[in-house]
């Protein structure tokens, strides 16, 4: 009885300490050093470091190349969801079906969860040969178009951190398993607003993806078209970006125009 109670209290204590660290980080507009967080929370540096490591693994906290900490994208995404009751799936599906009918290929809606993307809606064409994605299936970020965009907008530090956690395993001969190659591809993809999967997750399958943004400018999901590689066309990019922009607008996103204050 005493042992079970001790374990329960220990779990609660960890949550309390994690909350203290998140509160401390949130008080700073720039990344914070471990020794500062340790002093502010009265936690031993080794204890704070261990808890921060778990928070990083769950994307609640990011750590840069200088070893300093800031709030992570997942925490910002969860925060943004408190301010909207929009059903992303229901909102996106009509646009997905329009794309499917126009392009004749499978259209996917995905979200990021940790170091993977999860497929949680799809629109499949009425043709015998098409790419079949399973709703609920997962794929590593570095082998998917949406995943590379997520990494790209997160910046080089996030890409390096991801590579350290995962070691960039190869799924096909085309998988980007070199960190410099991945950094370059992710940066290029983020700049041009779309990414490609060139048979990196599965031989014979190609993909084009764009990000969907919420009212706070946070990338909350991805929209992609998957097709047999010989049928994939670059001309689809314009239609995909237009659909992504329309969905993001429905989510309340207002893009910052060049020259705006």
Protein backbone atom coordinates (compact mmCIF):
# COMPACT_ATOMS: atom_id res chain seq x y z
CA UNK A 1 0.00 0.00 0.00
CA UNK A 2 2.78 2.38 0.90
CA UNK A 3 4.71 1.51 -2.27
CA UNK A 4 1.75 2.24 -4.55
CA UNK A 5 1.12 5.52 -2.77
CA UNK A 6 4.76 6.51 -3.16
CA UNK A 7 4.70 5.76 -6.87
CA UNK A 8 1.51 7.83 -7.30
CA UNK A 9 3.03 10.78 -5.45
CA UNK A 10 6.21 10.48 -7.53
CA UNK A 11 4.28 10.71 -10.79
CA UNK A 12 2.38 13.77 -9.57
CA UNK A 13 5.62 15.39 -8.46
CA UNK A 14 7.11 14.98 -11.92
CA UNK A 15 4.10 16.70 -13.46
CA UNK A 16 4.36 19.55 -10.97
CA UNK A 17 8.04 19.98 -11.71
CA UNK A 18 7.44 19.94 -15.46
CA UNK A 19 4.82 22.66 -15.00
CA UNK A 20 7.30 24.76 -13.01
CA UNK A 21 9.84 24.48 -15.82
CA UNK A 22 7.29 25.40 -18.50
CA UNK A 23 6.19 28.43 -16.47
CA UNK A 24 9.80 29.53 -16.03
CA UNK A 25 10.58 29.21 -19.75
CA UNK A 26 7.42 31.14 -20.67
CA UNK A 27 8.59 34.16 -18.68
CA UNK A 28 11.46 34.74 -21.10
CA UNK A 29 11.21 36.09 -24.66
CA UNK A 30 14.50 34.40 -25.60
CA UNK A 31 15.85 30.86 -24.97
CA UNK A 32 16.91 30.17 -21.37
CA UNK A 33 19.95 28.38 -19.91
CA UNK A 34 19.58 25.32 -17.70
CA UNK A 35 21.23 27.01 -14.71
CA UNK A 36 18.64 29.83 -14.85
CA UNK A 37 15.74 27.38 -14.97
CA UNK A 38 17.28 25.36 -12.14
CA UNK A 39 17.58 28.48 -9.98
CA UNK A 40 14.08 29.73 -10.74
CA UNK A 41 12.40 26.38 -10.00
CA UNK A 42 14.66 25.31 -7.12
CA UNK A 43 15.29 22.04 -8.95
CA UNK A 44 18.68 20.38 -9.01
CA UNK A 45 20.26 20.82 -12.47
CA UNK A 46 20.29 17.07 -13.10
CA UNK A 47 16.60 16.81 -12.20
CA UNK A 48 15.67 19.78 -14.37
CA UNK A 49 17.76 18.39 -17.25
CA UNK A 50 16.04 15.00 -17.06
CA UNK A 51 12.54 16.48 -17.06
CA UNK A 52 13.41 18.91 -19.85
CA UNK A 53 14.65 15.96 -21.89
CA UNK A 54 11.24 14.31 -21.64
CA UNK A 55 9.51 17.59 -22.53
CA UNK A 56 11.76 17.89 -25.60
CA UNK A 57 10.92 14.34 -26.69
CA UNK A 58 7.23 15.28 -26.55
CA UNK A 59 7.82 18.62 -28.35
CA UNK A 60 6.64 20.74 -25.40
CA UNK A 61 10.14 22.27 -25.24
CA UNK A 62 12.87 22.87 -27.84
CA UNK A 63 16.63 23.03 -27.16
CA UNK A 64 18.90 25.01 -29.48
CA UNK A 65 22.56 24.52 -30.42
CA UNK A 66 23.65 26.67 -27.47
CA UNK A 67 21.92 24.31 -25.05
CA UNK A 68 19.20 26.84 -24.23
CA UNK A 69 15.49 26.10 -23.91
CA UNK A 70 12.30 27.60 -25.33
CA UNK A 71 8.67 26.54 -25.57
CA UNK A 72 8.02 23.97 -28.31
CA UNK A 73 5.64 23.88 -31.26
CA UNK A 74 3.37 21.24 -29.76
CA UNK A 75 2.61 23.42 -26.74
CA UNK A 76 1.78 26.33 -29.06
CA UNK A 77 -0.48 24.08 -31.12
CA UNK A 78 -2.37 22.90 -28.05
CA UNK A 79 -2.74 26.48 -26.89
CA UNK A 80 -4.18 27.56 -30.22
CA UNK A 81 -6.80 24.83 -30.09
CA UNK A 82 -8.24 26.34 -26.91
CA UNK A 83 -9.43 29.29 -28.99
CA UNK A 84 -11.26 27.41 -31.71
CA UNK A 85 -13.86 24.66 -31.98
CA UNK A 86 -13.24 24.17 -35.70
CA UNK A 87 -13.41 20.54 -36.87
CA UNK A 88 -10.37 20.45 -39.15
CA UNK A 89 -11.41 17.18 -40.78
CA UNK A 90 -14.90 18.42 -41.67
CA UNK A 91 -13.54 21.76 -42.87
CA UNK A 92 -10.82 20.25 -45.06
CA UNK A 93 -12.74 17.35 -46.60
CA UNK A 94 -14.67 19.36 -49.25
CA UNK A 95 -11.38 20.84 -50.51
CA UNK A 96 -9.79 17.39 -50.45
CA UNK A 97 -12.63 15.94 -52.51
CA UNK A 98 -12.37 18.76 -55.04
CA UNK A 99 -8.64 18.10 -55.40
CA UNK A 100 -9.23 14.36 -55.73
CA UNK A 101 -11.80 14.87 -58.48
CA UNK A 102 -9.61 17.35 -60.36
CA UNK A 103 -6.32 15.44 -60.09
CA UNK A 104 -7.64 11.91 -59.97
CA UNK A 105 -5.30 10.89 -57.14
CA UNK A 106 -5.37 10.27 -53.38
CA UNK A 107 -5.48 13.39 -51.18
CA UNK A 108 -4.36 13.13 -47.53
CA UNK A 109 -4.80 15.20 -44.38
CA UNK A 110 -2.04 14.68 -41.80
CA UNK A 111 -0.97 16.04 -38.42
CA UNK A 112 2.34 15.91 -36.60
CA UNK A 113 2.69 13.91 -33.41
CA UNK A 114 6.23 13.97 -32.04
CA UNK A 115 8.63 12.71 -34.69
CA UNK A 116 5.98 11.29 -37.02
CA UNK A 117 3.05 12.42 -39.13
CA UNK A 118 -0.31 10.71 -38.69
CA UNK A 119 -2.79 10.24 -41.53
CA UNK A 120 -6.25 11.06 -40.19
CA UNK A 121 -8.37 11.73 -43.28
CA UNK A 122 -8.18 10.90 -46.99
CA UNK A 123 -10.10 11.26 -50.24
CA UNK A 124 -9.45 8.42 -52.69
CA UNK A 125 -10.19 8.44 -56.42
CA UNK A 126 -12.51 6.04 -58.21
CA UNK A 127 -9.80 4.28 -60.20
CA UNK A 128 -8.32 0.82 -59.94
CA UNK A 129 -4.69 1.84 -59.35
CA UNK A 130 -4.21 4.50 -56.67
CA UNK A 131 -2.15 5.07 -53.53
CA UNK A 132 -3.92 3.68 -50.49
CA UNK A 133 -3.06 5.42 -47.22
CA UNK A 134 -4.43 3.90 -44.02
CA UNK A 135 -6.07 6.38 -41.65
CA UNK A 136 -4.19 6.27 -38.36
CA UNK A 137 -0.94 5.09 -39.93
CA UNK A 138 2.28 6.91 -39.08
CA UNK A 139 5.41 7.86 -41.00
CA UNK A 140 8.69 9.50 -39.87
CA UNK A 141 9.01 13.19 -40.63
CA UNK A 142 12.08 12.94 -42.85
CA UNK A 143 10.49 10.54 -45.36
CA UNK A 144 7.29 12.55 -45.99
CA UNK A 145 6.60 15.82 -47.79
CA UNK A 146 4.59 17.22 -44.87
CA UNK A 147 7.19 16.10 -42.36
CA UNK A 148 9.98 17.87 -44.21
CA UNK A 149 7.91 21.06 -44.28
CA UNK A 150 7.26 20.78 -40.53
CA UNK A 151 10.98 20.42 -39.93
CA UNK A 152 11.79 23.21 -42.37
CA UNK A 153 9.60 25.82 -40.70
CA UNK A 154 11.02 24.76 -37.34
CA UNK A 155 14.52 25.75 -38.45
CA UNK A 156 17.93 24.11 -38.56
CA UNK A 157 18.14 23.53 -34.81
CA UNK A 158 14.94 21.51 -34.85
CA UNK A 159 16.18 19.46 -37.82
CA UNK A 160 19.45 18.70 -36.04
CA UNK A 161 17.60 17.73 -32.87
CA UNK A 162 15.29 15.44 -34.83
CA UNK A 163 18.27 13.81 -36.55
CA UNK A 164 19.98 13.19 -33.19
CA UNK A 165 16.84 11.54 -31.77
CA UNK A 166 16.08 9.34 -34.78
CA UNK A 167 19.41 8.79 -36.59
CA UNK A 168 17.49 9.30 -39.87
CA UNK A 169 16.80 5.65 -40.75
CA UNK A 170 16.54 4.83 -44.46
CA UNK A 171 13.25 3.34 -45.69
CA UNK A 172 14.19 3.26 -49.37
CA UNK A 173 17.29 4.02 -51.43
CA UNK A 174 15.94 7.57 -51.87
CA UNK A 175 15.49 8.40 -48.16
CA UNK A 176 17.42 11.50 -47.06
CA UNK A 177 19.64 9.94 -44.37
CA UNK A 178 22.36 12.62 -44.55
CA UNK A 179 21.86 15.57 -42.20
CA UNK A 180 23.25 18.22 -44.62
CA UNK A 181 20.98 16.90 -47.39
CA UNK A 182 17.95 16.93 -45.08
CA UNK A 183 18.67 20.46 -43.84
CA UNK A 184 19.01 21.72 -47.41
CA UNK A 185 15.85 19.98 -48.62
CA UNK A 186 13.74 21.11 -45.65
CA UNK A 187 14.92 24.72 -45.96
CA UNK A 188 14.19 24.78 -49.69
CA UNK A 189 10.76 23.22 -49.16
CA UNK A 190 9.78 25.74 -46.47
CA UNK A 191 10.91 28.66 -48.65
CA UNK A 192 8.91 27.57 -51.70
CA UNK A 193 5.89 26.48 -49.57
CA UNK A 194 5.65 22.92 -50.83
CA UNK A 195 7.65 19.72 -50.44
CA UNK A 196 8.14 16.53 -52.41
CA UNK A 197 8.43 12.90 -51.38
CA UNK A 198 10.47 11.32 -54.15
CA UNK A 199 9.92 7.65 -53.33
CA UNK A 200 11.53 8.26 -49.93
CA UNK A 201 8.95 6.37 -47.87
CA UNK A 202 7.96 3.78 -50.47
CA UNK A 203 9.42 2.94 -53.87
CA UNK A 204 6.96 3.76 -56.65
CA UNK A 205 5.05 6.38 -54.67
CA UNK A 206 5.52 10.15 -54.98
CA UNK A 207 3.88 12.93 -52.98
CA UNK A 208 3.47 16.72 -52.98
CA UNK A 209 2.53 18.45 -49.71
CA UNK A 210 1.70 21.88 -48.25
CA UNK A 211 1.13 23.06 -44.68
CA UNK A 212 -2.10 24.30 -43.11
CA UNK A 213 -1.88 27.20 -40.64
CA UNK A 214 -4.21 28.27 -37.82
CA UNK A 215 -5.21 31.77 -36.69
CA UNK A 216 -1.94 32.13 -34.75
CA UNK A 217 0.22 31.25 -37.73
CA UNK A 218 1.08 27.82 -36.32
CA UNK A 219 1.34 24.93 -38.83
CA UNK A 220 -1.26 22.53 -37.45
CA UNK A 221 -1.67 20.03 -40.28
CA UNK A 222 -0.65 19.13 -43.81
CA UNK A 223 -2.45 18.57 -47.10
CA UNK A 224 -0.86 16.26 -49.66
CA UNK A 225 -1.45 14.41 -52.91
CA UNK A 226 -0.01 10.89 -53.29
CA UNK A 227 0.31 9.09 -56.62
CA UNK A 228 2.31 6.43 -58.43
CA UNK A 229 5.56 8.25 -59.18
CA UNK A 230 5.10 8.04 -62.96
CA UNK A 231 1.74 9.88 -62.69
CA UNK A 232 2.80 12.64 -60.31
CA UNK A 233 2.83 16.06 -61.97
CA UNK A 234 4.51 19.26 -60.86
CA UNK A 235 1.53 21.22 -62.23
CA UNK A 236 -0.44 20.04 -59.19
CA UNK A 237 1.55 22.36 -56.94
CA UNK A 238 -0.54 25.42 -57.82
CA UNK A 239 -3.83 23.65 -57.06
CA UNK A 240 -2.48 22.20 -53.82
CA UNK A 241 -1.19 25.54 -52.56
CA UNK A 242 -4.52 27.20 -53.43
CA UNK A 243 -6.44 24.54 -51.49
CA UNK A 244 -4.06 24.83 -48.55
CA UNK A 245 -4.44 28.60 -48.48
CA UNK A 246 -8.24 28.29 -48.58
CA UNK A 247 -8.30 25.84 -45.67
CA UNK A 248 -5.86 27.96 -43.66
CA UNK A 249 -8.08 31.00 -44.25
CA UNK A 250 -11.06 29.03 -42.92
CA UNK A 251 -8.95 28.28 -39.83
CA UNK A 252 -8.49 32.04 -39.31
CA UNK A 253 -4.98 32.37 -40.72
CA UNK A 254 -4.08 35.76 -42.18
CA UNK A 255 -0.77 35.67 -44.09
CA UNK A 256 1.73 38.47 -43.51
CA UNK A 257 2.22 40.30 -46.80
CA UNK A 258 5.58 41.66 -47.86
CA UNK A 259 6.08 45.23 -46.80
CA UNK A 260 3.61 44.97 -43.91
CA UNK A 261 4.62 46.53 -40.65
